[in-house]
Amino acid sequence: MELIVYLAGQIHDDWREEIKSQASERNLPLTFVGPMEDHDRSDNIGEEILGKQPNAVLKDEAASSINNLRTDILIKKADVVIALFGEKYKQWNTAMDAARATALQKPLILIRPESLHHPLKELSNNASLVVETPEQAVRALSYIFES
């Protein structure tokens, strides 16, 4: 059995690589997918595909439509979603992806520090599992494959 894991969360540090590395060390049969991690490409994809837009708002709208298409398809194909909420960046996209996962009844592992318990309490209550570190998320996935 192989699982597809959607990694939702900010793209400004290496938390995804940490999860992928730990999963690889445990020889877990996981395929990872997620949002476009190249921020400039994500912001400009609307104009790449649809052409120059007349203003910044329409440029953002075009990019959002294409990024939402990508996200919808990949989350629907995922077996489990891991959503990381950190303290440093605004987490609008992470919240949107986690909400999509719960709406689609996808198992959701929420990674968040204890300091974000209160602002994320409703989302946490809808998650399959809430952990504080990427390592705990990988350990939970590893448990799935134990006999």
C-alpha atoms as a PDB file:
ATOM      1  CA  MET A   1       0.000   0.000   0.000  1.00  0.00           C
ATOM      2  CA  GLU A   2       1.204   3.493  -0.852  1.00  0.00           C
ATOM      3  CA  LEU A   3      -0.326   6.719   0.422  1.00  0.00           C
ATOM      4  CA  ILE A   4      -0.457  10.129  -1.235  1.00  0.00           C
ATOM      5  CA  VAL A   5       0.190  12.877   1.311  1.00  0.00           C
ATOM      6  CA  TYR A   6      -0.723  16.497   0.586  1.00  0.00           C
ATOM      7  CA  LEU A   7       1.550  18.874   2.503  1.00  0.00           C
ATOM      8  CA  ALA A   8      -0.391  22.084   3.159  1.00  0.00           C
ATOM      9  CA  GLY A   9       1.283  25.069   4.713  1.00  0.00           C
ATOM     10  CA  GLN A  10       3.608  27.962   4.218  1.00  0.00           C
ATOM     11  CA  ILE A  11       6.341  27.674   1.613  1.00  0.00           C
ATOM     12  CA  HIS A  12       8.998  29.825   3.260  1.00  0.00           C
ATOM     13  CA  ASP A  13      11.073  27.216   5.071  1.00  0.00           C
ATOM     14  CA  ASP A  14      12.065  23.549   4.762  1.00  0.00           C
ATOM     15  CA  TRP A  15       9.416  21.817   6.885  1.00  0.00           C
ATOM     16  CA  ARG A  16       8.323  19.739   3.865  1.00  0.00           C
ATOM     17  CA  GLU A  17      11.874  18.488   3.336  1.00  0.00           C
ATOM     18  CA  GLU A  18      12.036  17.559   7.020  1.00  0.00           C
ATOM     19  CA  ILE A  19       8.912  15.398   6.655  1.00  0.00           C
ATOM     20  CA  LYS A  20      10.081  13.847   3.379  1.00  0.00           C
ATOM     21  CA  SER A  21      13.500  13.043   4.847  1.00  0.00           C
ATOM     22  CA  GLN A  22      12.067  11.455   7.981  1.00  0.00           C
ATOM     23  CA  ALA A  23       9.597   9.419   5.912  1.00  0.00           C
ATOM     24  CA  SER A  24      12.420   8.258   3.666  1.00  0.00           C
ATOM     25  CA  GLU A  25      14.536   7.241   6.692  1.00  0.00           C
ATOM     26  CA  ARG A  26      11.619   5.072   7.835  1.00  0.00           C
ATOM     27  CA  ASN A  27      11.128   3.662   4.306  1.00  0.00           C
ATOM     28  CA  LEU A  28       7.492   4.739   4.311  1.00  0.00           C
ATOM     29  CA  PRO A  29       5.665   4.190   1.019  1.00  0.00           C
ATOM     30  CA  LEU A  30       4.495   7.785   0.662  1.00  0.00           C
ATOM     31  CA  THR A  31       4.166  10.108  -2.305  1.00  0.00           C
ATOM     32  CA  PHE A  32       4.137  13.785  -1.396  1.00  0.00           C
ATOM     33  CA  VAL A  33       2.234  16.501  -3.230  1.00  0.00           C
ATOM     34  CA  GLY A  34       1.386  20.066  -2.313  1.00  0.00           C
ATOM     35  CA  PRO A  35       1.094  23.650  -3.400  1.00  0.00           C
ATOM     36  CA  MET A  36       3.502  25.277  -5.822  1.00  0.00           C
ATOM     37  CA  GLU A  37       6.536  26.028  -3.695  1.00  0.00           C
ATOM     38  CA  ASP A  38       8.047  28.544  -6.112  1.00  0.00           C
ATOM     39  CA  HIS A  39       6.356  31.704  -4.809  1.00  0.00           C
ATOM     40  CA  ASP A  40       7.035  33.781  -7.942  1.00  0.00           C
ATOM     41  CA  ARG A  41       5.684  31.061 -10.230  1.00  0.00           C
ATOM     42  CA  SER A  42       2.576  30.725  -8.058  1.00  0.00           C
ATOM     43  CA  ASP A  43       1.996  34.489  -8.152  1.00  0.00           C
ATOM     44  CA  ASN A  44       2.571  34.726 -11.916  1.00  0.00           C
ATOM     45  CA  ILE A  45       0.918  31.525 -13.196  1.00  0.00           C
ATOM     46  CA  GLY A  46      -2.293  33.340 -14.138  1.00  0.00           C
ATOM     47  CA  GLU A  47      -0.471  35.609 -16.547  1.00  0.00           C
ATOM     48  CA  GLU A  48       1.705  32.730 -17.797  1.00  0.00           C
ATOM     49  CA  ILE A  49      -1.389  30.820 -18.848  1.00  0.00           C
ATOM     50  CA  LEU A  50      -4.023  33.508 -19.473  1.00  0.00           C
ATOM     51  CA  GLY A  51      -1.832  36.403 -20.589  1.00  0.00           C
ATOM     52  CA  LYS A  52      -1.129  39.827 -19.156  1.00  0.00           C
ATOM     53  CA  GLN A  53      -3.868  41.060 -16.835  1.00  0.00           C
ATOM     54  CA  PRO A  54      -4.961  44.722 -16.733  1.00  0.00           C
ATOM     55  CA  ASN A  55      -4.240  45.243 -13.010  1.00  0.00           C
ATOM     56  CA  ALA A  56      -2.821  43.607  -9.872  1.00  0.00           C
ATOM     57  CA  VAL A  57      -6.214  42.474  -8.563  1.00  0.00           C
ATOM     58  CA  LEU A  58      -7.040  40.607 -11.777  1.00  0.00           C
ATOM     59  CA  LYS A  59      -3.513  39.190 -11.876  1.00  0.00           C
ATOM     60  CA  ASP A  60      -4.080  37.776  -8.367  1.00  0.00           C
ATOM     61  CA  GLU A  61      -7.527  36.461  -9.338  1.00  0.00           C
ATOM     62  CA  ALA A  62      -6.126  34.648 -12.392  1.00  0.00           C
ATOM     63  CA  ALA A  63      -3.314  33.086 -10.358  1.00  0.00           C
ATOM     64  CA  SER A  64      -5.720  32.116  -7.578  1.00  0.00           C
ATOM     65  CA  SER A  65      -8.017  30.315 -10.001  1.00  0.00           C
ATOM     66  CA  ILE A  66      -5.182  28.198 -11.366  1.00  0.00           C
ATOM     67  CA  ASN A  67      -3.645  27.548  -7.951  1.00  0.00           C
ATOM     68  CA  ASN A  68      -7.079  26.550  -6.610  1.00  0.00           C
ATOM     69  CA  LEU A  69      -7.490  24.115  -9.524  1.00  0.00           C
ATOM     70  CA  ARG A  70      -4.143  22.521  -8.655  1.00  0.00           C
ATOM     71  CA  THR A  71      -5.010  22.360  -4.951  1.00  0.00           C
ATOM     72  CA  ASP A  72      -8.489  20.907  -5.519  1.00  0.00           C
ATOM     73  CA  ILE A  73      -7.160  18.124  -7.733  1.00  0.00           C
ATOM     74  CA  LEU A  74      -4.234  17.223  -5.485  1.00  0.00           C
ATOM     75  CA  ILE A  75      -6.224  17.252  -2.235  1.00  0.00           C
ATOM     76  CA  LYS A  76      -8.945  15.118  -3.820  1.00  0.00           C
ATOM     77  CA  LYS A  77      -6.298  12.584  -4.872  1.00  0.00           C
ATOM     78  CA  ALA A  78      -4.578  12.627  -1.473  1.00  0.00           C
ATOM     79  CA  ASP A  79      -5.130   9.893   1.083  1.00  0.00           C
ATOM     80  CA  VAL A  80      -4.147  12.182   3.949  1.00  0.00           C
ATOM     81  CA  VAL A  81      -3.440  15.896   4.371  1.00  0.00           C
ATOM     82  CA  ILE A  82      -0.819  17.324   6.696  1.00  0.00           C
ATOM     83  CA  ALA A  83      -1.318  21.014   7.429  1.00  0.00           C
ATOM     84  CA  LEU A  84       1.413  22.911   9.236  1.00  0.00           C
ATOM     85  CA  PHE A  85       0.638  26.128  11.092  1.00  0.00           C
ATOM     86  CA  GLY A  86       3.694  27.988  12.282  1.00  0.00           C
ATOM     87  CA  GLU A  87       3.970  31.177  14.271  1.00  0.00           C
ATOM     88  CA  LYS A  88       5.969  33.251  11.801  1.00  0.00           C
ATOM     89  CA  TYR A  89       3.729  33.630   8.716  1.00  0.00           C
ATOM     90  CA  LYS A  90       0.078  34.370   8.076  1.00  0.00           C
ATOM     91  CA  GLN A  91      -1.605  31.042   7.420  1.00  0.00           C
ATOM     92  CA  TRP A  92      -4.544  31.883   5.136  1.00  0.00           C
ATOM     93  CA  ASN A  93      -3.731  29.243   2.507  1.00  0.00           C
ATOM     94  CA  THR A  94      -3.050  26.602   5.135  1.00  0.00           C
ATOM     95  CA  ALA A  95      -6.430  27.236   6.731  1.00  0.00           C
ATOM     96  CA  MET A  96      -8.125  27.046   3.331  1.00  0.00           C
ATOM     97  CA  ASP A  97      -6.387  23.757   2.470  1.00  0.00           C
ATOM     98  CA  ALA A  98      -7.173  22.224   5.870  1.00  0.00           C
ATOM     99  CA  ALA A  99     -10.809  23.261   5.527  1.00  0.00           C
ATOM    100  CA  ARG A 100     -10.924  21.704   2.050  1.00  0.00           C
ATOM    101  CA  ALA A 101      -9.536  18.481   3.484  1.00  0.00           C
ATOM    102  CA  THR A 102     -12.146  18.308   6.229  1.00  0.00           C
ATOM    103  CA  ALA A 103     -14.959  19.186   3.795  1.00  0.00           C
ATOM    104  CA  LEU A 104     -13.808  16.298   1.595  1.00  0.00           C
ATOM    105  CA  GLN A 105     -13.574  14.040   4.672  1.00  0.00           C
ATOM    106  CA  LYS A 106      -9.864  13.500   4.102  1.00  0.00           C
ATOM    107  CA  PRO A 107      -7.867  12.481   7.157  1.00  0.00           C
ATOM    108  CA  LEU A 108      -6.129  15.625   8.407  1.00  0.00           C
ATOM    109  CA  ILE A 109      -3.027  15.797  10.562  1.00  0.00           C
ATOM    110  CA  LEU A 110      -2.685  19.296  11.934  1.00  0.00           C
ATOM    111  CA  ILE A 111       0.765  20.440  13.059  1.00  0.00           C
ATOM    112  CA  ARG A 112       0.656  23.471  15.292  1.00  0.00           C
ATOM    113  CA  PRO A 113       2.505  24.768  18.337  1.00  0.00           C
ATOM    114  CA  GLU A 114       0.624  24.845  21.619  1.00  0.00           C
ATOM    115  CA  SER A 115       0.578  28.657  21.398  1.00  0.00           C
ATOM    116  CA  LEU A 116      -1.844  28.385  18.447  1.00  0.00           C
ATOM    117  CA  HIS A 117      -4.261  26.098  20.273  1.00  0.00           C
ATOM    118  CA  HIS A 118      -6.871  28.794  20.867  1.00  0.00           C
ATOM    119  CA  PRO A 119      -7.010  30.372  17.377  1.00  0.00           C
ATOM    120  CA  LEU A 120      -7.103  26.917  15.753  1.00  0.00           C
ATOM    121  CA  LYS A 121      -9.437  25.180  18.213  1.00  0.00           C
ATOM    122  CA  GLU A 122     -12.324  24.659  15.752  1.00  0.00           C
ATOM    123  CA  LEU A 123     -10.038  23.375  13.013  1.00  0.00           C
ATOM    124  CA  SER A 124      -8.167  21.212  15.530  1.00  0.00           C
ATOM    125  CA  ASN A 125     -11.465  19.716  16.636  1.00  0.00           C
ATOM    126  CA  ASN A 126     -12.152  18.654  13.025  1.00  0.00           C
ATOM    127  CA  ALA A 127      -8.697  17.190  12.409  1.00  0.00           C
ATOM    128  CA  SER A 128      -8.025  13.471  12.681  1.00  0.00           C
ATOM    129  CA  LEU A 129      -4.928  14.195  14.745  1.00  0.00           C
ATOM    130  CA  VAL A 130      -3.238  17.286  16.169  1.00  0.00           C
ATOM    131  CA  VAL A 131       0.515  17.231  16.791  1.00  0.00           C
ATOM    132  CA  GLU A 132       3.147  19.847  17.571  1.00  0.00           C
ATOM    133  CA  THR A 133       6.021  18.754  15.320  1.00  0.00           C
ATOM    134  CA  PRO A 134       6.582  17.369  11.837  1.00  0.00           C
ATOM    135  CA  GLU A 135       8.338  14.387  13.435  1.00  0.00           C
ATOM    136  CA  GLN A 136       5.173  13.489  15.347  1.00  0.00           C
ATOM    137  CA  ALA A 137       3.203  13.614  12.091  1.00  0.00           C
ATOM    138  CA  VAL A 138       5.666  11.228  10.423  1.00  0.00           C
ATOM    139  CA  ARG A 139       5.572   8.895  13.421  1.00  0.00           C
ATOM    140  CA  ALA A 140       1.765   8.807  13.160  1.00  0.00           C
ATOM    141  CA  LEU A 141       1.992   7.933   9.457  1.00  0.00           C
ATOM    142  CA  SER A 142       4.570   5.265  10.253  1.00  0.00           C
ATOM    143  CA  TYR A 143       2.150   3.648  12.683  1.00  0.00           C
ATOM    144  CA  ILE A 144      -0.327   3.074   9.826  1.00  0.00           C
ATOM    145  CA  PHE A 145       2.115   0.647   8.229  1.00  0.00           C
ATOM    146  CA  GLU A 146       2.881  -1.411  11.335  1.00  0.00           C
ATOM    147  CA  SER A 147       1.468  -4.918  11.451  1.00  0.00           C
END
